[in-house]
Amino acid sequence: MKPTDSTAKYFRLIPALAISSVLLTGCYNHSEGDHDPVALGADLNFSGLQLRSVLILTSGQNEPGRVLGTIFNTTATDIHMVLADSDEQLPVKIPALGHIEFDQSLVIFNSTQEPPGARTDLQVTVKGQQASINVPIQNGTFDQYRPYIPSPSPSS
């Protein structure tokens, strides 16, 4: 049985497709390019600051809540920021062209009004200007967060 012209064309195309696919597989380098890691926290760019992966850790609703994440100061001067929830204000100083990592700096609200799994708005105030960032509230479900959960209040 002799192959037809269309069958012969098909078989001549297979090696070209195979060679092309092998050559293209080496063209992608996942370590290059601009990509962000997966993080649970919220991000905000505001008044020379870059807030990254900001979230609150707590053992439960109405318990102390610790802020985690990182804040970068992109300006050449120190920035005095106030981070506030619905009933409390916490001052934070970010050095010029520096950053604050909240896993190394304690920033703790006395109580968290929402339960773990919810989100809450925090107000960020810098030089009289204000912005809001909606952050998740987490508990010790993820092992890496457990060491940062503040102790429950004594009345609990």
Protein backbone atom coordinates (compact mmCIF):
# COMPACT_ATOMS: atom_id res chain seq x y z
CA MET A 1 0.00 0.00 0.00
CA LYS A 2 1.41 3.32 -1.13
CA PRO A 3 0.87 6.46 1.03
CA THR A 4 -1.19 9.28 -0.45
CA ASP A 5 0.19 12.79 -0.94
CA SER A 6 -1.67 14.18 2.10
CA THR A 7 -0.39 11.36 4.32
CA ALA A 8 3.16 11.95 3.13
CA LYS A 9 2.85 15.68 3.89
CA TYR A 10 1.57 14.84 7.36
CA PHE A 11 4.53 12.57 8.11
CA ARG A 12 7.00 15.21 6.84
CA LEU A 13 5.42 17.76 9.22
CA ILE A 14 5.88 15.60 12.35
CA PRO A 15 9.69 15.99 12.63
CA ALA A 16 9.41 19.77 12.18
CA LEU A 17 6.82 20.00 14.97
CA ALA A 18 8.86 17.76 17.26
CA ILE A 19 12.04 19.80 16.73
CA SER A 20 10.14 23.08 17.30
CA SER A 21 8.59 21.87 20.53
CA VAL A 22 11.94 20.65 21.88
CA LEU A 23 13.60 23.96 21.05
CA LEU A 24 10.82 26.03 22.63
CA THR A 25 10.83 24.15 25.94
CA GLY A 26 14.20 25.69 26.86
CA CYS A 27 13.09 29.27 26.22
CA TYR A 28 11.28 29.88 29.52
CA ASN A 29 13.26 30.61 32.65
CA HIS A 30 10.93 30.93 35.63
CA SER A 31 13.63 32.62 37.72
CA GLU A 32 13.64 35.62 35.38
CA GLY A 33 10.94 38.21 35.09
CA ASP A 34 8.77 40.13 37.46
CA HIS A 35 6.64 37.92 39.66
CA ASP A 36 5.34 38.30 43.18
CA PRO A 37 5.38 35.51 45.73
CA VAL A 38 2.09 34.30 47.09
CA ALA A 39 1.29 35.95 50.40
CA LEU A 40 -1.86 36.20 52.46
CA GLY A 41 -1.48 39.81 53.48
CA ALA A 42 -2.56 43.03 51.81
CA ASP A 43 -0.42 45.55 49.93
CA LEU A 44 -0.59 49.34 49.76
CA ASN A 45 1.60 52.05 48.21
CA PHE A 46 1.04 55.32 50.04
CA SER A 47 2.96 58.53 50.70
CA GLY A 48 6.43 57.10 50.04
CA LEU A 49 5.68 53.81 51.79
CA GLN A 50 5.18 50.33 50.40
CA LEU A 51 3.22 48.12 52.78
CA ARG A 52 3.64 44.46 51.82
CA SER A 53 1.82 41.33 53.02
CA VAL A 54 0.21 43.11 55.96
CA LEU A 55 -2.08 40.98 58.13
CA ILE A 56 -3.17 40.60 61.73
CA LEU A 57 -2.56 37.48 63.83
CA THR A 58 -4.77 36.73 66.82
CA SER A 59 -5.89 33.80 68.93
CA GLY A 60 -9.53 34.88 68.57
CA GLN A 61 -12.06 37.67 68.30
CA ASN A 62 -11.61 40.46 70.88
CA GLU A 63 -8.11 39.16 71.68
CA PRO A 64 -4.81 41.01 71.07
CA GLY A 65 -3.81 41.18 67.40
CA ARG A 66 -0.25 41.39 66.14
CA VAL A 67 0.52 43.08 62.83
CA LEU A 68 2.78 41.15 60.47
CA GLY A 69 4.21 42.21 57.13
CA THR A 70 6.86 44.63 55.91
CA ILE A 71 6.85 48.37 55.30
CA PHE A 72 9.43 49.91 52.97
CA ASN A 73 10.28 53.62 53.03
CA THR A 74 11.19 54.74 49.50
CA THR A 75 12.07 58.29 50.57
CA ALA A 76 15.31 59.85 51.81
CA THR A 77 13.71 60.93 55.11
CA ASP A 78 12.38 59.03 58.11
CA ILE A 79 8.60 58.59 58.00
CA HIS A 80 6.43 58.61 61.11
CA MET A 81 3.32 56.59 60.36
CA VAL A 82 0.26 55.81 62.49
CA LEU A 83 -1.47 52.48 62.00
CA ALA A 84 -4.98 52.45 63.46
CA ASP A 85 -7.93 50.11 63.81
CA SER A 86 -11.38 51.21 64.98
CA ASP A 87 -10.32 52.04 68.55
CA GLU A 88 -6.54 52.22 68.77
CA GLN A 89 -3.59 54.02 67.14
CA LEU A 90 -0.06 52.62 66.97
CA PRO A 91 2.89 54.83 65.91
CA VAL A 92 5.56 53.32 63.68
CA LYS A 93 8.79 54.99 62.52
CA ILE A 94 10.26 53.74 59.22
CA PRO A 95 13.86 54.85 58.59
CA ALA A 96 14.84 56.68 55.41
CA LEU A 97 15.32 54.23 52.52
CA GLY A 98 14.83 51.44 55.06
CA HIS A 99 12.14 49.06 56.14
CA ILE A 100 10.39 47.59 59.15
CA GLU A 101 9.66 43.87 59.34
CA PHE A 102 6.88 43.27 61.82
CA ASP A 103 8.08 39.76 62.62
CA GLN A 104 11.02 41.52 64.32
CA SER A 105 9.17 44.61 65.61
CA LEU A 106 6.22 44.28 67.96
CA VAL A 107 3.13 46.13 66.78
CA ILE A 108 0.14 44.75 68.70
CA PHE A 109 -3.44 46.01 68.93
CA ASN A 110 -5.04 45.38 72.35
CA SER A 111 -8.04 43.70 70.74
CA THR A 112 -9.13 42.46 67.34
CA GLN A 113 -12.80 43.18 66.71
CA GLU A 114 -13.19 40.59 63.94
CA PRO A 115 -12.58 36.82 64.21
CA PRO A 116 -9.81 34.93 62.39
CA GLY A 117 -10.81 34.37 58.78
CA ALA A 118 -12.38 37.83 58.46
CA ARG A 119 -10.86 41.01 57.06
CA THR A 120 -10.62 44.42 58.69
CA ASP A 121 -9.69 47.92 57.62
CA LEU A 122 -6.61 49.56 59.08
CA GLN A 123 -6.03 53.28 58.63
CA VAL A 124 -2.55 54.42 57.61
CA THR A 125 -1.76 58.07 58.41
CA VAL A 126 1.38 59.83 57.17
CA LYS A 127 1.91 63.62 57.33
CA GLY A 128 -1.82 64.22 57.84
CA GLN A 129 -2.80 62.11 54.83
CA GLN A 130 -4.78 58.94 55.36
CA ALA A 131 -5.35 55.71 53.42
CA SER A 132 -7.11 52.48 54.26
CA ILE A 133 -5.78 48.95 53.84
CA ASN A 134 -8.10 45.94 54.13
CA VAL A 135 -6.09 43.19 55.83
CA PRO A 136 -6.86 39.55 56.61
CA ILE A 137 -7.05 38.29 60.19
CA GLN A 138 -5.32 34.95 60.72
CA ASN A 139 -4.77 32.55 63.59
CA GLY A 140 -2.40 29.62 64.06
CA THR A 141 -3.85 27.54 61.23
CA PHE A 142 -0.58 28.01 59.36
CA ASP A 143 2.42 26.73 61.32
CA GLN A 144 4.65 29.66 60.32
CA TYR A 145 2.29 32.11 62.10
CA ARG A 146 1.99 30.32 65.46
CA PRO A 147 5.10 31.87 67.06
CA TYR A 148 3.78 35.38 66.36
CA ILE A 149 0.30 35.06 67.88
CA PRO A 150 0.08 37.29 70.97
CA SER A 151 -1.06 35.75 74.24
CA PRO A 152 -4.80 35.96 74.93
CA SER A 153 -5.95 38.66 77.30
CA PRO A 154 -5.98 37.62 81.01
CA SER A 155 -9.79 37.89 81.25
CA SER A 156 -10.27 35.12 78.63
